Structures are given as C-alpha cells and as structure tokens.
C-alpha cells in the first residue's frame, strides 16, 4: 500500500481529478470512478467544490484548505471491499479526519 498527500487551494481541480471529469467520456463503464462515501458535500463536482470553498472561507486559520490524499494498492494485493474500506478509514484516522469536523469525498479509481 502506498499513501500520498497533495495539498493546495483548488477544490474544483482536486474534485475534478478525483471524479475524472476531463476523461469521463473516454473511460469504459467499468473504468469510471466510484464515489465510495462523501461527508457533508452533495451534488456534482462543481457544487461540492463550492460547498467546500464556502466552509473553508469561514475559517481564517486555514491557508491551504485542500488535502488530496490517495491510497494505492499493488495489483498483487487481492483485497476485499471491506479491507479497502478499513485501510482508507485507517488513513483518515491517522490524518485526524473526523465526520463531525471535516467535509470529504472518497473516490475509488477503477482505470489503473
């Protein structure tokens, strides 16, 4: 398992990347990303980005509001959906992300 973190200020870019907005028409149905869970964000990518921007703008202590992290598994790691979920939830916990305090979107990529 490989975990990486990218920070920034552009919610729309991060969400668009996660949902593969630019490549969606090129992907086969089996390759399209799946939203696994979302917390306190609703709608399409643009709507979620606006909601996250609104919340970030209410906290002047936040200078870099976007945290995009990824968890990649080797093809040889034959994990069940429950094991994937446990791994991702473990990373969220280690990063201090709580349902009560954070907005987030968890997306599974199926094209790689």
N, C-alpha and C. Protein backbone atom coordinates (compact mmCIF):
# COMPACT_ATOMS: atom_id res chain seq x y z
N UNK A 1 0.85 -1.17 0.00
CA UNK A 1 0.00 0.00 0.00
C UNK A 1 0.89 1.23 0.00
N UNK A 2 0.53 2.19 -0.84
CA UNK A 2 1.25 3.46 -0.92
C UNK A 2 0.26 4.58 -0.61
N UNK A 3 0.66 5.49 0.27
CA UNK A 3 -0.18 6.63 0.61
C UNK A 3 0.56 7.89 0.24
N UNK A 4 -0.12 8.82 -0.39
CA UNK A 4 0.47 10.10 -0.74
C UNK A 4 -0.49 11.22 -0.42
N UNK A 5 0.05 12.40 -0.18
CA UNK A 5 -0.77 13.55 0.16
C UNK A 5 -0.35 14.72 -0.71
N UNK A 6 -1.34 15.41 -1.25
CA UNK A 6 -1.12 16.62 -2.04
C UNK A 6 -2.00 17.70 -1.41
N UNK A 7 -1.44 18.87 -1.16
CA UNK A 7 -2.23 19.96 -0.60
C UNK A 7 -2.32 21.09 -1.61
N UNK A 8 -3.31 21.93 -1.42
CA UNK A 8 -3.47 23.05 -2.32
C UNK A 8 -4.64 23.91 -1.92
N UNK A 9 -5.10 24.72 -2.85
CA UNK A 9 -6.21 25.62 -2.55
C UNK A 9 -7.37 25.46 -3.53
N UNK A 10 -7.25 24.60 -4.52
CA UNK A 10 -8.28 24.46 -5.55
C UNK A 10 -9.16 23.25 -5.35
N UNK A 11 -10.32 23.46 -4.77
CA UNK A 11 -11.26 22.36 -4.57
C UNK A 11 -11.75 21.79 -5.89
N UNK A 12 -12.07 22.67 -6.84
CA UNK A 12 -12.62 22.21 -8.11
C UNK A 12 -11.64 21.31 -8.85
N UNK A 13 -10.37 21.67 -8.84
CA UNK A 13 -9.37 20.85 -9.52
C UNK A 13 -9.20 19.50 -8.86
N UNK A 14 -9.16 19.47 -7.54
CA UNK A 14 -8.99 18.20 -6.81
C UNK A 14 -10.19 17.28 -7.02
N UNK A 15 -11.38 17.84 -6.92
CA UNK A 15 -12.59 17.02 -7.09
C UNK A 15 -12.73 16.58 -8.54
N UNK A 16 -12.43 17.48 -9.47
CA UNK A 16 -12.48 17.13 -10.89
C UNK A 16 -11.53 16.01 -11.22
N UNK A 17 -10.33 16.06 -10.63
CA UNK A 17 -9.35 14.99 -10.84
C UNK A 17 -9.88 13.68 -10.26
N UNK A 18 -10.38 13.73 -9.03
CA UNK A 18 -10.87 12.51 -8.38
C UNK A 18 -12.00 11.86 -9.17
N UNK A 19 -12.86 12.70 -9.73
CA UNK A 19 -14.00 12.17 -10.47
C UNK A 19 -13.71 11.99 -11.96
N UNK A 20 -12.47 12.28 -12.36
CA UNK A 20 -12.02 12.12 -13.75
C UNK A 20 -12.91 12.89 -14.72
N UNK A 21 -13.30 14.10 -14.34
CA UNK A 21 -14.19 14.91 -15.16
C UNK A 21 -13.70 15.08 -16.60
N UNK A 22 -12.42 15.32 -16.79
CA UNK A 22 -11.89 15.58 -18.12
C UNK A 22 -11.82 14.32 -18.99
N UNK A 23 -11.76 13.16 -18.37
CA UNK A 23 -11.59 11.91 -19.12
C UNK A 23 -12.83 11.02 -19.09
N UNK A 24 -13.88 11.45 -18.46
CA UNK A 24 -15.04 10.59 -18.23
C UNK A 24 -15.60 9.99 -19.51
N UNK A 25 -15.64 10.76 -20.58
CA UNK A 25 -16.18 10.26 -21.86
C UNK A 25 -15.28 9.21 -22.49
N UNK A 26 -14.00 9.20 -22.14
CA UNK A 26 -13.04 8.27 -22.72
C UNK A 26 -13.01 6.92 -21.99
N UNK A 27 -13.56 6.86 -20.79
CA UNK A 27 -13.48 5.65 -19.98
C UNK A 27 -14.63 4.70 -20.26
N UNK A 28 -14.32 3.42 -20.22
CA UNK A 28 -15.35 2.40 -20.31
C UNK A 28 -16.15 2.44 -19.01
N UNK A 29 -17.38 1.97 -19.03
CA UNK A 29 -18.18 1.98 -17.79
C UNK A 29 -17.47 1.30 -16.61
N UNK A 30 -16.76 0.23 -16.87
CA UNK A 30 -16.07 -0.48 -15.79
C UNK A 30 -14.86 0.28 -15.25
N UNK A 31 -14.39 1.30 -15.98
CA UNK A 31 -13.23 2.08 -15.58
C UNK A 31 -13.59 3.37 -14.85
N UNK A 32 -14.86 3.74 -14.86
CA UNK A 32 -15.26 5.02 -14.27
C UNK A 32 -15.08 5.01 -12.76
N UNK A 33 -14.71 6.15 -12.21
CA UNK A 33 -14.53 6.22 -10.75
C UNK A 33 -15.85 6.05 -10.02
N UNK A 34 -15.76 5.52 -8.81
CA UNK A 34 -16.94 5.31 -7.97
C UNK A 34 -16.81 6.16 -6.73
N UNK A 35 -17.86 6.90 -6.40
CA UNK A 35 -17.88 7.61 -5.12
C UNK A 35 -18.20 6.57 -4.05
N UNK A 36 -17.27 6.37 -3.15
CA UNK A 36 -17.45 5.39 -2.08
C UNK A 36 -18.25 6.00 -0.94
N UNK A 37 -17.85 7.19 -0.53
CA UNK A 37 -18.58 7.91 0.51
C UNK A 37 -18.27 9.39 0.41
N UNK A 38 -19.16 10.18 0.93
CA UNK A 38 -18.95 11.61 0.98
C UNK A 38 -19.53 12.11 2.30
N UNK A 39 -18.91 13.13 2.84
CA UNK A 39 -19.33 13.65 4.13
C UNK A 39 -19.55 15.16 4.04
N UNK A 40 -20.77 15.56 4.24
CA UNK A 40 -21.16 16.98 4.25
C UNK A 40 -20.90 17.69 2.94
N UNK A 41 -20.95 16.98 1.82
CA UNK A 41 -20.90 17.57 0.48
C UNK A 41 -21.89 16.81 -0.39
N UNK A 42 -22.55 17.55 -1.29
CA UNK A 42 -23.60 16.96 -2.09
C UNK A 42 -23.57 17.52 -3.50
N UNK A 43 -24.12 16.78 -4.45
CA UNK A 43 -24.25 17.26 -5.81
C UNK A 43 -23.12 16.84 -6.71
N UNK A 44 -22.94 17.61 -7.78
CA UNK A 44 -21.87 17.30 -8.73
C UNK A 44 -20.55 17.93 -8.28
N UNK A 45 -19.51 17.76 -9.08
CA UNK A 45 -18.17 18.23 -8.69
C UNK A 45 -18.15 19.74 -8.42
N UNK A 46 -18.78 20.51 -9.29
CA UNK A 46 -18.78 21.96 -9.11
C UNK A 46 -19.53 22.36 -7.84
N UNK A 47 -20.63 21.71 -7.58
CA UNK A 47 -21.41 22.03 -6.38
C UNK A 47 -20.64 21.66 -5.11
N UNK A 48 -19.99 20.49 -5.11
CA UNK A 48 -19.20 20.09 -3.95
C UNK A 48 -18.04 21.06 -3.73
N UNK A 49 -17.40 21.48 -4.80
CA UNK A 49 -16.28 22.42 -4.69
C UNK A 49 -16.75 23.74 -4.08
N UNK A 50 -17.91 24.23 -4.50
CA UNK A 50 -18.44 25.48 -3.94
C UNK A 50 -18.75 25.32 -2.45
N UNK A 51 -19.31 24.18 -2.08
CA UNK A 51 -19.63 23.94 -0.67
C UNK A 51 -18.36 23.91 0.17
N UNK A 52 -17.35 23.23 -0.33
CA UNK A 52 -16.08 23.16 0.41
C UNK A 52 -15.42 24.53 0.49
N UNK A 53 -15.45 25.29 -0.58
CA UNK A 53 -14.89 26.65 -0.58
C UNK A 53 -15.61 27.52 0.43
N UNK A 54 -16.94 27.42 0.48
CA UNK A 54 -17.73 28.20 1.42
C UNK A 54 -17.28 27.92 2.85
N UNK A 55 -17.16 26.65 3.19
CA UNK A 55 -16.75 26.28 4.56
C UNK A 55 -15.32 26.74 4.83
N UNK A 56 -14.42 26.53 3.89
CA UNK A 56 -13.03 26.94 4.07
C UNK A 56 -12.93 28.45 4.28
N UNK A 57 -13.74 29.21 3.58
CA UNK A 57 -13.70 30.67 3.70
C UNK A 57 -14.19 31.17 5.05
N UNK A 58 -14.90 30.32 5.80
CA UNK A 58 -15.39 30.74 7.13
C UNK A 58 -14.32 30.58 8.20
N UNK A 59 -13.19 29.97 7.86
CA UNK A 59 -12.12 29.76 8.84
C UNK A 59 -10.86 30.46 8.37
N UNK A 60 -10.55 31.60 8.96
CA UNK A 60 -9.38 32.36 8.52
C UNK A 60 -8.05 31.74 8.96
N UNK A 61 -8.08 30.69 9.76
CA UNK A 61 -6.84 30.00 10.15
C UNK A 61 -6.37 29.03 9.08
N UNK A 62 -7.24 28.75 8.11
CA UNK A 62 -6.90 27.78 7.07
C UNK A 62 -6.32 28.51 5.86
N UNK A 63 -5.03 28.26 5.60
CA UNK A 63 -4.41 28.91 4.44
C UNK A 63 -4.30 27.95 3.25
N UNK A 64 -4.25 26.66 3.52
CA UNK A 64 -4.18 25.65 2.46
C UNK A 64 -5.30 24.64 2.75
N UNK A 65 -6.50 24.90 2.24
CA UNK A 65 -7.67 24.11 2.66
C UNK A 65 -7.84 22.75 2.00
N UNK A 66 -7.15 22.49 0.88
CA UNK A 66 -7.37 21.25 0.15
C UNK A 66 -6.30 20.22 0.52
N UNK A 67 -6.76 19.07 0.97
CA UNK A 67 -5.85 17.94 1.19
C UNK A 67 -6.40 16.79 0.35
N UNK A 68 -5.64 16.44 -0.66
CA UNK A 68 -6.00 15.32 -1.54
C UNK A 68 -5.02 14.21 -1.19
N UNK A 69 -5.53 13.14 -0.66
CA UNK A 69 -4.64 12.02 -0.39
C UNK A 69 -5.12 10.81 -1.16
N UNK A 70 -4.17 9.97 -1.46
CA UNK A 70 -4.51 8.77 -2.20
C UNK A 70 -3.90 7.56 -1.52
N UNK A 71 -4.59 6.45 -1.69
CA UNK A 71 -4.13 5.16 -1.18
C UNK A 71 -4.11 4.24 -2.39
N UNK A 72 -2.93 3.75 -2.73
CA UNK A 72 -2.78 2.87 -3.88
C UNK A 72 -2.36 1.48 -3.40
N UNK A 73 -2.99 0.50 -3.98
CA UNK A 73 -2.68 -0.88 -3.64
C UNK A 73 -2.05 -1.56 -4.83
N UNK A 74 -1.09 -2.42 -4.58
CA UNK A 74 -0.45 -3.19 -5.64
C UNK A 74 -1.47 -4.18 -6.20
N UNK A 75 -1.36 -4.45 -7.48
CA UNK A 75 -2.27 -5.40 -8.13
C UNK A 75 -2.23 -6.75 -7.43
N UNK A 76 -1.09 -7.11 -6.88
CA UNK A 76 -0.94 -8.40 -6.21
C UNK A 76 -1.70 -8.47 -4.88
N UNK A 77 -2.05 -7.29 -4.34
CA UNK A 77 -2.81 -7.26 -3.09
C UNK A 77 -4.29 -7.49 -3.42
N UNK A 78 -4.72 -8.69 -3.24
CA UNK A 78 -6.11 -9.06 -3.54
C UNK A 78 -6.97 -8.77 -2.31
N UNK A 79 -7.42 -7.52 -2.18
CA UNK A 79 -8.18 -7.11 -1.00
C UNK A 79 -9.68 -7.14 -1.28
N UNK A 80 -10.44 -7.45 -0.25
CA UNK A 80 -11.89 -7.36 -0.35
C UNK A 80 -12.29 -5.90 -0.20
N UNK A 81 -13.53 -5.58 -0.54
CA UNK A 81 -14.03 -4.20 -0.36
C UNK A 81 -13.92 -3.79 1.10
N UNK A 82 -14.20 -4.71 2.01
CA UNK A 82 -14.10 -4.40 3.45
C UNK A 82 -12.67 -4.07 3.84
N UNK A 83 -11.70 -4.77 3.27
CA UNK A 83 -10.30 -4.49 3.57
C UNK A 83 -9.86 -3.15 3.00
N UNK A 84 -10.33 -2.81 1.78
CA UNK A 84 -10.06 -1.49 1.20
C UNK A 84 -10.60 -0.41 2.13
N UNK A 85 -11.85 -0.60 2.54
CA UNK A 85 -12.50 0.40 3.39
C UNK A 85 -11.76 0.56 4.72
N UNK A 86 -11.34 -0.55 5.30
CA UNK A 86 -10.61 -0.50 6.57
C UNK A 86 -9.29 0.26 6.40
N UNK A 87 -8.60 0.02 5.31
CA UNK A 87 -7.32 0.70 5.06
C UNK A 87 -7.53 2.20 4.89
N UNK A 88 -8.52 2.59 4.10
CA UNK A 88 -8.79 4.01 3.87
C UNK A 88 -9.24 4.68 5.17
N UNK A 89 -10.10 4.03 5.93
CA UNK A 89 -10.53 4.59 7.21
C UNK A 89 -9.37 4.72 8.19
N UNK A 90 -8.43 3.80 8.12
CA UNK A 90 -7.23 3.89 8.96
C UNK A 90 -6.40 5.12 8.61
N UNK A 91 -6.27 5.40 7.32
CA UNK A 91 -5.53 6.59 6.89
C UNK A 91 -6.26 7.85 7.34
N UNK A 92 -7.58 7.89 7.17
CA UNK A 92 -8.36 9.04 7.64
C UNK A 92 -8.14 9.28 9.13
N UNK A 93 -8.17 8.21 9.89
CA UNK A 93 -7.98 8.32 11.34
C UNK A 93 -6.59 8.86 11.66
N UNK A 94 -5.57 8.35 10.99
CA UNK A 94 -4.20 8.82 11.22
C UNK A 94 -4.03 10.29 10.87
N UNK A 95 -4.77 10.76 9.87
CA UNK A 95 -4.70 12.16 9.47
C UNK A 95 -5.57 13.06 10.35
N UNK A 96 -6.33 12.46 11.25
CA UNK A 96 -7.17 13.24 12.16
C UNK A 96 -8.48 13.70 11.55
N UNK A 97 -8.91 13.06 10.47
CA UNK A 97 -10.15 13.44 9.80
C UNK A 97 -11.32 12.79 10.54
N UNK A 98 -12.27 13.64 10.94
CA UNK A 98 -13.45 13.16 11.67
C UNK A 98 -14.72 13.58 10.93
N UNK A 99 -15.74 12.74 10.96
CA UNK A 99 -17.01 13.06 10.30
C UNK A 99 -17.61 14.35 10.83
N UNK A 100 -17.41 14.62 12.10
CA UNK A 100 -18.03 15.80 12.70
C UNK A 100 -17.31 17.09 12.33
N UNK A 101 -16.05 17.00 11.91
CA UNK A 101 -15.23 18.19 11.70
C UNK A 101 -14.81 18.44 10.26
N UNK A 102 -15.04 17.51 9.36
CA UNK A 102 -14.47 17.64 8.01
C UNK A 102 -15.47 17.28 6.92
N UNK A 103 -15.32 17.95 5.81
CA UNK A 103 -16.01 17.57 4.58
C UNK A 103 -15.03 16.70 3.81
N UNK A 104 -15.54 15.66 3.17
CA UNK A 104 -14.64 14.86 2.33
C UNK A 104 -15.42 14.06 1.31
N UNK A 105 -14.66 13.61 0.35
CA UNK A 105 -15.17 12.79 -0.73
C UNK A 105 -14.17 11.66 -0.93
N UNK A 106 -14.64 10.43 -0.90
CA UNK A 106 -13.76 9.28 -1.12
C UNK A 106 -14.18 8.62 -2.43
N UNK A 107 -13.22 8.52 -3.34
CA UNK A 107 -13.48 8.01 -4.68
C UNK A 107 -12.53 6.86 -4.97
N UNK A 108 -13.08 5.81 -5.55
CA UNK A 108 -12.26 4.67 -5.97
C UNK A 108 -12.05 4.76 -7.47
N UNK A 109 -10.79 4.75 -7.88
CA UNK A 109 -10.47 4.76 -9.31
C UNK A 109 -10.39 3.32 -9.81
N UNK A 110 -11.00 3.06 -10.92
CA UNK A 110 -11.04 1.72 -11.50
C UNK A 110 -10.29 1.60 -12.81
N UNK A 111 -9.55 2.63 -13.20
CA UNK A 111 -8.91 2.63 -14.50
C UNK A 111 -7.42 2.31 -14.44
N UNK A 112 -6.90 2.06 -13.27
CA UNK A 112 -5.46 1.76 -13.17
C UNK A 112 -5.25 0.66 -12.16
